[in-house]
């Protein structure tokens, strides 16, 4: 089941409030100065434009245009009603969403313009001056409060996003440092095994080879057995050294560490058991995952991210895709360009596709 996001709940709440406010006009309890059908159509245009203006998967120009239509439609709805009722709440909604679409100074200008429209509407409906002033002050304060609340919420969201990005970066650095320390320790052990035990066993083999030529069949038999044991032991030591030098890092565990505990983003990691990579390839895949997750948090407005790593005798492939808004013609930033250069240096490549969500594919040849 797909999870309902915070933005969708906010959009639903706005719809409920707008319908509640405009309900009297829709069902005839509130008179209008234009035909009711046109007034309802104007309200439908207001709703559609409001939802488009806060949508994150459309271009900025479209959102600007939709917001302008939202403001104009709200003014028209209020000025064509025979009584204000709760219709100024529609203007409060436009003030609340303004900071998601336009800069804060523009939002404040919208608040001032909305207040002027309410002033004109109240004056045309022959309200008592004291009532009109109280109405203006009330809706002005409400607009300012909702606008500032939206600003605070946006700042909190930005801080959470920056914290998540820093978390991913720290996790990736921790993974790479751990892998580097493990590699250094394996190399140290392999050198000691080779230099000490390997050398001693080689000398032992030579001594036993000399002793084999001594007199006595019983001695010869035992010496030959000892010689074989020593040779087998030397082979085992060399095999152990080789495994220590070439042991593949645990890529799945490393990627899970990078992507764990990310608020608002569900990340799935799937690494095929057939994947066998060296330290350089593992570091490249960790850095790729870090950049992919950071870009998803920063730009994609996605809820899920799927990362899989598969391998065969020809190549190892990392494939990552999210369910965000994507980009028909994705422009590579410094991070993705740097990743492309990193994989090219390893003999591989990196490609991106923004047609359906955002997808990144990284390949390295099998080692």
Protein backbone atom coordinates (compact mmCIF):
# COMPACT_ATOMS: atom_id res chain seq x y z
CA UNK A 1 0.00 0.00 0.00
CA UNK A 2 1.33 3.44 -0.93
CA UNK A 3 1.95 5.75 1.99
CA UNK A 4 0.10 9.06 2.06
CA UNK A 5 2.59 11.89 2.42
CA UNK A 6 2.41 15.04 4.49
CA UNK A 7 1.91 17.20 1.37
CA UNK A 8 -1.11 15.11 0.36
CA UNK A 9 -2.66 15.48 3.81
CA UNK A 10 -2.06 19.24 3.63
CA UNK A 11 -3.71 19.41 0.22
CA UNK A 12 -6.69 17.43 1.51
CA UNK A 13 -7.01 19.74 4.51
CA UNK A 14 -7.02 22.78 2.23
CA UNK A 15 -9.76 21.23 0.09
CA UNK A 16 -11.90 20.52 3.15
CA UNK A 17 -11.50 24.07 4.47
CA UNK A 18 -12.19 25.63 1.06
CA UNK A 19 -15.35 23.56 0.55
CA UNK A 20 -16.57 24.38 4.05
CA UNK A 21 -16.07 28.10 3.45
CA UNK A 22 -17.61 28.15 -0.04
CA UNK A 23 -20.39 25.68 0.78
CA UNK A 24 -23.06 28.36 1.38
CA UNK A 25 -22.34 29.90 -2.01
CA UNK A 26 -22.35 26.52 -3.76
CA UNK A 27 -25.64 25.35 -2.26
CA UNK A 28 -27.49 28.67 -2.46
CA UNK A 29 -27.35 29.79 1.16
CA UNK A 30 -25.16 32.74 0.12
CA UNK A 31 -26.22 35.07 -2.67
CA UNK A 32 -23.94 35.93 -5.59
CA UNK A 33 -23.89 38.87 -7.99
CA UNK A 34 -23.11 36.60 -10.94
CA UNK A 35 -24.95 33.43 -12.05
CA UNK A 36 -24.40 30.69 -9.51
CA UNK A 37 -23.06 28.30 -12.12
CA UNK A 38 -20.32 30.78 -13.03
CA UNK A 39 -19.56 31.33 -9.35
CA UNK A 40 -19.19 27.57 -8.81
CA UNK A 41 -16.96 27.35 -11.90
CA UNK A 42 -14.85 30.17 -10.48
CA UNK A 43 -14.55 28.24 -7.22
CA UNK A 44 -13.49 25.09 -9.11
CA UNK A 45 -10.81 27.14 -10.92
CA UNK A 46 -9.64 28.44 -7.54
CA UNK A 47 -9.31 24.91 -6.15
CA UNK A 48 -7.50 23.56 -9.21
CA UNK A 49 -5.06 26.48 -9.30
CA UNK A 50 -4.46 26.22 -5.54
CA UNK A 51 -3.52 22.53 -5.79
CA UNK A 52 -1.28 23.09 -8.82
CA UNK A 53 0.50 25.98 -7.11
CA UNK A 54 1.59 23.76 -4.21
CA UNK A 55 2.39 20.71 -6.38
CA UNK A 56 6.10 19.89 -6.41
CA UNK A 57 6.15 17.90 -9.64
CA UNK A 58 5.43 20.76 -12.03
CA UNK A 59 7.72 23.49 -13.27
CA UNK A 60 8.25 26.70 -11.34
CA UNK A 61 6.67 28.80 -14.10
CA UNK A 62 3.49 26.71 -13.98
CA UNK A 63 3.35 27.09 -10.19
CA UNK A 64 3.76 30.86 -10.45
CA UNK A 65 0.95 31.07 -13.01
CA UNK A 66 -1.29 28.82 -10.92
CA UNK A 67 -0.70 30.91 -7.83
CA UNK A 68 -1.62 34.09 -9.71
CA UNK A 69 -4.86 32.42 -10.83
CA UNK A 70 -5.50 31.32 -7.23
CA UNK A 71 -5.16 34.86 -5.89
CA UNK A 72 -7.31 36.38 -8.66
CA UNK A 73 -10.00 33.71 -8.30
CA UNK A 74 -10.15 34.18 -4.52
CA UNK A 75 -10.61 37.91 -4.97
CA UNK A 76 -13.34 37.36 -7.56
CA UNK A 77 -15.18 34.87 -5.34
CA UNK A 78 -15.21 37.31 -2.44
CA UNK A 79 -16.20 40.37 -4.49
CA UNK A 80 -19.03 38.60 -6.34
CA UNK A 81 -20.70 37.32 -3.15
CA UNK A 82 -23.58 39.22 -1.62
CA UNK A 83 -22.11 38.70 1.85
CA UNK A 84 -18.58 38.07 3.01
CA UNK A 85 -19.46 35.25 5.38
CA UNK A 86 -16.32 33.16 5.84
CA UNK A 87 -15.08 33.72 2.29
CA UNK A 88 -12.04 35.76 3.46
CA UNK A 89 -10.69 32.43 4.71
CA UNK A 90 -9.98 31.65 1.03
CA UNK A 91 -7.61 34.63 1.07
CA UNK A 92 -6.03 33.28 4.24
CA UNK A 93 -5.32 30.02 2.36
CA UNK A 94 -3.60 31.92 -0.45
CA UNK A 95 -1.43 33.73 2.10
CA UNK A 96 -0.54 30.42 3.78
CA UNK A 97 0.61 28.74 0.55
CA UNK A 98 2.36 31.81 -0.85
CA UNK A 99 5.69 31.03 0.84
CA UNK A 100 5.75 27.61 -0.87
CA UNK A 101 5.57 29.27 -4.28
CA UNK A 102 6.92 32.82 -4.19
CA UNK A 103 9.53 34.70 -2.10
CA UNK A 104 8.47 35.99 1.31
CA UNK A 105 8.24 39.68 0.23
CA UNK A 106 5.79 38.68 -2.49
CA UNK A 107 3.78 36.73 0.08
CA UNK A 108 3.61 39.79 2.31
CA UNK A 109 2.46 41.86 -0.68
CA UNK A 110 -0.30 39.30 -1.27
CA UNK A 111 -1.38 39.71 2.36
CA UNK A 112 -1.61 43.50 1.90
CA UNK A 113 -3.57 43.10 -1.37
CA UNK A 114 -5.89 40.56 0.25
CA UNK A 115 -6.57 42.99 3.09
CA UNK A 116 -7.44 45.73 0.60
CA UNK A 117 -9.87 43.37 -1.16
CA UNK A 118 -11.50 42.51 2.17
CA UNK A 119 -11.71 46.25 2.91
CA UNK A 120 -13.45 46.92 -0.39
CA UNK A 121 -15.80 43.97 0.13
CA UNK A 122 -16.70 45.03 3.65
CA UNK A 123 -17.28 48.63 2.54
CA UNK A 124 -19.54 47.59 -0.35
CA UNK A 125 -21.68 45.52 2.02
CA UNK A 126 -22.44 48.51 4.28
CA UNK A 127 -21.01 47.04 7.43
CA UNK A 128 -20.80 49.22 10.53
CA UNK A 129 -17.38 50.95 10.64
CA UNK A 130 -16.43 49.33 13.93
CA UNK A 131 -17.38 45.88 12.62
CA UNK A 132 -15.45 46.48 9.42
CA UNK A 133 -12.31 47.54 11.29
CA UNK A 134 -12.49 44.53 13.58
CA UNK A 135 -12.97 42.27 10.56
CA UNK A 136 -9.96 43.74 8.79
CA UNK A 137 -7.72 43.48 11.84
CA UNK A 138 -8.82 39.90 12.47
CA UNK A 139 -8.14 38.67 8.93
CA UNK A 140 -4.92 40.65 8.67
CA UNK A 141 -3.60 38.99 11.82
CA UNK A 142 -4.77 35.57 10.67
CA UNK A 143 -3.03 35.99 7.31
CA UNK A 144 0.22 37.12 8.91
CA UNK A 145 0.09 34.28 11.44
CA UNK A 146 -0.52 31.60 8.80
CA UNK A 147 2.19 33.02 6.54
CA UNK A 148 4.75 33.06 9.36
CA UNK A 149 3.70 29.55 10.41
CA UNK A 150 4.35 28.36 6.86
CA UNK A 151 7.75 30.06 6.90
CA UNK A 152 8.62 28.28 10.16
CA UNK A 153 7.47 24.93 8.76
CA UNK A 154 9.57 25.40 5.62
CA UNK A 155 12.64 26.23 7.68
CA UNK A 156 12.09 23.14 9.81
CA UNK A 157 11.78 20.98 6.69
CA UNK A 158 14.97 22.47 5.28
CA UNK A 159 16.84 21.83 8.53
CA UNK A 160 15.63 18.22 8.57
CA UNK A 161 16.77 17.77 4.99
CA UNK A 162 20.19 19.24 5.73
CA UNK A 163 20.49 17.04 8.82
CA UNK A 164 19.61 13.96 6.76
CA UNK A 165 22.23 14.91 4.14
CA UNK A 166 24.86 15.34 6.84
CA UNK A 167 23.86 11.99 8.33
CA UNK A 168 24.34 10.25 4.98
CA UNK A 169 27.73 11.89 4.49
CA UNK A 170 28.92 10.90 7.97
CA UNK A 171 27.69 7.33 7.53
CA UNK A 172 29.47 7.03 4.18
CA UNK A 173 32.70 8.40 5.66
CA UNK A 174 32.42 5.98 8.58
CA UNK A 175 31.93 3.02 6.23
CA UNK A 176 34.90 3.98 4.08
CA UNK A 177 37.13 4.53 7.13
CA UNK A 178 36.10 1.15 8.56
CA UNK A 179 36.82 -0.57 5.25
CA UNK A 180 40.17 1.19 5.01
CA UNK A 181 41.13 0.12 8.54
CA UNK A 182 40.06 -3.47 7.85
CA UNK A 183 42.07 -3.51 4.64
CA UNK A 184 45.17 -2.17 6.37
CA UNK A 185 44.83 -4.81 9.11
CA UNK A 186 44.46 -7.63 6.59
CA UNK A 187 47.54 -6.45 4.73
CA UNK A 188 49.52 -6.27 7.96
CA UNK A 189 48.54 -9.81 8.93
CA UNK A 190 49.25 -11.12 5.44
CA UNK A 191 52.74 -9.58 5.47
CA UNK A 192 53.52 -11.09 8.88
CA UNK A 193 52.31 -14.51 7.80
CA UNK A 194 54.35 -14.36 4.65
CA UNK A 195 57.51 -12.89 6.18
CA UNK A 196 57.61 -14.96 9.38
CA UNK A 197 55.74 -18.24 9.10
CA UNK A 198 56.17 -18.56 5.38
CA UNK A 199 59.91 -18.00 5.61
CA UNK A 200 60.31 -20.44 8.50
CA UNK A 201 58.35 -23.16 6.72
CA UNK A 202 60.42 -22.67 3.60
CA UNK A 203 63.62 -23.20 5.63
CA UNK A 204 62.05 -26.26 7.28
CA UNK A 205 61.23 -27.72 3.88
CA UNK A 206 64.81 -27.26 2.71
CA UNK A 207 66.18 -28.88 5.90
CA UNK A 208 63.85 -31.86 5.53
CA UNK A 209 64.82 -32.20 1.88
CA UNK A 210 68.44 -32.48 2.95
CA UNK A 211 67.63 -34.95 5.76
CA UNK A 212 65.76 -37.17 3.31
CA UNK A 213 69.06 -38.21 1.81
CA UNK A 214 70.34 -39.64 5.11
CA UNK A 215 70.80 -43.39 5.65
CA UNK A 216 68.04 -45.68 6.97
CA UNK A 217 64.71 -46.54 5.36
CA UNK A 218 62.63 -45.72 8.48
CA UNK A 219 64.15 -42.25 8.69
CA UNK A 220 63.49 -41.70 5.02
CA UNK A 221 59.81 -42.64 5.41
CA UNK A 222 59.19 -40.30 8.32
CA UNK A 223 61.12 -37.50 6.71
CA UNK A 224 59.13 -37.81 3.51
CA UNK A 225 55.89 -37.57 5.48
CA UNK A 226 57.18 -34.53 7.38
CA UNK A 227 58.28 -32.99 4.11
CA UNK A 228 54.79 -33.42 2.64
CA UNK A 229 53.14 -31.96 5.74
CA UNK A 230 55.45 -28.96 5.65
CA UNK A 231 54.77 -28.38 1.96
CA UNK A 232 51.01 -28.63 2.53
CA UNK A 233 51.26 -26.20 5.43
CA UNK A 234 53.23 -23.77 3.32
CA UNK A 235 50.56 -23.99 0.62
CA UNK A 236 47.84 -23.31 3.19
CA UNK A 237 49.67 -20.25 4.48
CA UNK A 238 50.05 -18.87 0.97
CA UNK A 239 46.36 -19.50 0.26
CA UNK A 240 45.40 -17.73 3.49
CA UNK A 241 47.55 -14.76 2.56
CA UNK A 242 45.90 -14.62 -0.82
CA UNK A 243 42.42 -14.66 0.68
CA UNK A 244 43.30 -11.92 3.15
CA UNK A 245 44.51 -9.73 0.32
CA UNK A 246 41.51 -10.29 -1.95
CA UNK A 247 38.64 -10.79 0.48
CA UNK A 248 35.60 -8.93 -0.84
CA UNK A 249 34.13 -6.26 1.46
CA UNK A 250 30.57 -6.67 2.72
CA UNK A 251 28.94 -4.25 0.29
CA UNK A 252 25.36 -4.83 1.43
CA UNK A 253 26.20 -4.02 5.04
CA UNK A 254 28.12 -0.92 3.97
CA UNK A 255 25.22 0.39 1.85
CA UNK A 256 22.72 -0.30 4.62
CA UNK A 257 24.83 1.72 7.05
CA UNK A 258 24.89 4.68 4.65
CA UNK A 259 21.09 4.64 4.17
CA UNK A 260 19.83 3.81 7.64
CA UNK A 261 17.64 6.09 9.78
CA UNK A 262 16.60 8.56 7.07
CA UNK A 263 13.40 10.42 8.04
CA UNK A 264 10.77 10.54 5.31
CA UNK A 265 12.59 8.27 2.86
CA UNK A 266 12.14 4.50 2.69
CA UNK A 267 15.34 2.98 1.26
CA UNK A 268 15.57 -0.65 0.16
CA UNK A 269 18.98 -2.27 -0.41
CA UNK A 270 19.36 -5.53 -2.36
CA UNK A 271 22.85 -6.89 -3.14
CA UNK A 272 23.09 -10.12 -5.10
CA UNK A 273 25.13 -12.91 -3.46
CA UNK A 274 27.00 -13.24 -6.75
CA UNK A 275 28.60 -9.80 -6.39
CA UNK A 276 32.39 -9.92 -5.91
CA UNK A 277 34.20 -6.59 -5.91
CA UNK A 278 37.48 -5.17 -4.66
CA UNK A 279 38.10 -2.24 -2.32
CA UNK A 280 38.16 0.42 -5.05
CA UNK A 281 34.86 -0.72 -6.56
CA UNK A 282 33.27 -0.95 -3.10
CA UNK A 283 34.34 2.63 -2.28
CA UNK A 284 32.89 3.82 -5.60
CA UNK A 285 29.54 2.16 -4.89
CA UNK A 286 29.44 3.62 -1.37
CA UNK A 287 30.11 7.11 -2.73
CA UNK A 288 27.51 6.58 -5.46
CA UNK A 289 24.91 5.58 -2.87
CA UNK A 290 25.77 8.62 -0.76
CA UNK A 291 25.31 10.99 -3.71
CA UNK A 292 22.11 9.28 -4.87
CA UNK A 293 20.51 9.42 -1.43
CA UNK A 294 21.55 13.05 -0.92
CA UNK A 295 20.09 14.09 -4.29
CA UNK A 296 16.88 12.18 -3.57
CA UNK A 297 16.44 13.99 -0.24
CA UNK A 298 17.36 17.37 -1.72
CA UNK A 299 15.57 17.38 -5.07
CA UNK A 300 13.30 14.42 -5.80
CA UNK A 301 10.46 14.84 -3.28
CA UNK A 302 10.41 11.02 -3.21
CA UNK A 303 9.08 8.62 -0.59
CA UNK A 304 10.89 5.45 -1.66
CA UNK A 305 14.32 4.68 -3.07
CA UNK A 306 15.30 1.23 -4.36
CA UNK A 307 18.99 0.35 -4.72
CA UNK A 308 20.11 -2.99 -6.15
CA UNK A 309 23.56 -4.34 -6.97
CA UNK A 310 23.91 -7.30 -9.32
CA UNK A 311 26.95 -8.98 -10.85
CA UNK A 312 27.98 -11.57 -13.41
CA UNK A 313 31.17 -12.62 -15.14
CA UNK A 314 31.22 -9.42 -17.21
CA UNK A 315 30.27 -6.55 -14.88
CA UNK A 316 28.82 -5.36 -11.58
CA UNK A 317 25.86 -2.97 -11.80
CA UNK A 318 24.34 -0.64 -9.21
CA UNK A 319 20.82 0.47 -10.12
CA UNK A 320 18.98 3.10 -8.02
CA UNK A 321 15.57 4.55 -8.71
CA UNK A 322 13.14 6.67 -6.69
CA UNK A 323 9.45 7.52 -7.03
CA UNK A 324 10.07 11.27 -7.11
CA UNK A 325 9.20 13.86 -9.70
CA UNK A 326 12.17 13.11 -11.99
CA UNK A 327 13.39 15.39 -14.77
CA UNK A 328 12.83 14.88 -18.53
CA UNK A 329 16.25 16.38 -19.27
CA UNK A 330 18.31 15.89 -16.09
CA UNK A 331 21.20 18.28 -15.59
CA UNK A 332 24.15 16.68 -13.83
CA UNK A 333 25.52 18.59 -10.87
CA UNK A 334 29.07 18.44 -9.59
CA UNK A 335 28.34 15.37 -7.49
CA UNK A 336 27.04 13.19 -10.33
CA UNK A 337 29.71 14.45 -12.72
CA UNK A 338 32.36 13.51 -10.18
CA UNK A 339 30.81 10.06 -9.82
CA UNK A 340 30.90 9.62 -13.59
CA UNK A 341 34.61 10.44 -13.57
CA UNK A 342 35.22 8.01 -10.66
CA UNK A 343 33.53 5.12 -12.47
CA UNK A 344 35.23 5.98 -15.76
CA UNK A 345 38.60 5.72 -13.98
CA UNK A 346 37.59 2.21 -12.88
CA UNK A 347 36.77 1.25 -16.46
CA UNK A 348 33.02 1.61 -15.98
CA UNK A 349 30.34 4.22 -16.55
CA UNK A 350 27.46 6.07 -14.92
CA UNK A 351 24.15 7.01 -16.53
CA UNK A 352 21.00 8.82 -15.35
CA UNK A 353 17.36 8.79 -16.48
CA UNK A 354 14.68 11.16 -15.24
CA UNK A 355 11.76 9.90 -17.30
CA UNK A 356 9.95 8.04 -14.51
CA UNK A 357 11.16 9.22 -11.14
CA UNK A 358 14.95 9.47 -11.14
CA UNK A 359 17.23 6.54 -11.97
CA UNK A 360 20.99 6.22 -11.67
CA UNK A 361 22.90 3.23 -13.07
CA UNK A 362 26.60 2.67 -12.32
CA UNK A 363 28.70 -0.12 -13.87
CA UNK A 364 32.19 -1.48 -13.32
CA UNK A 365 33.79 -4.41 -15.14
CA UNK A 366 34.15 -7.70 -13.25
CA UNK A 367 37.55 -8.16 -11.60
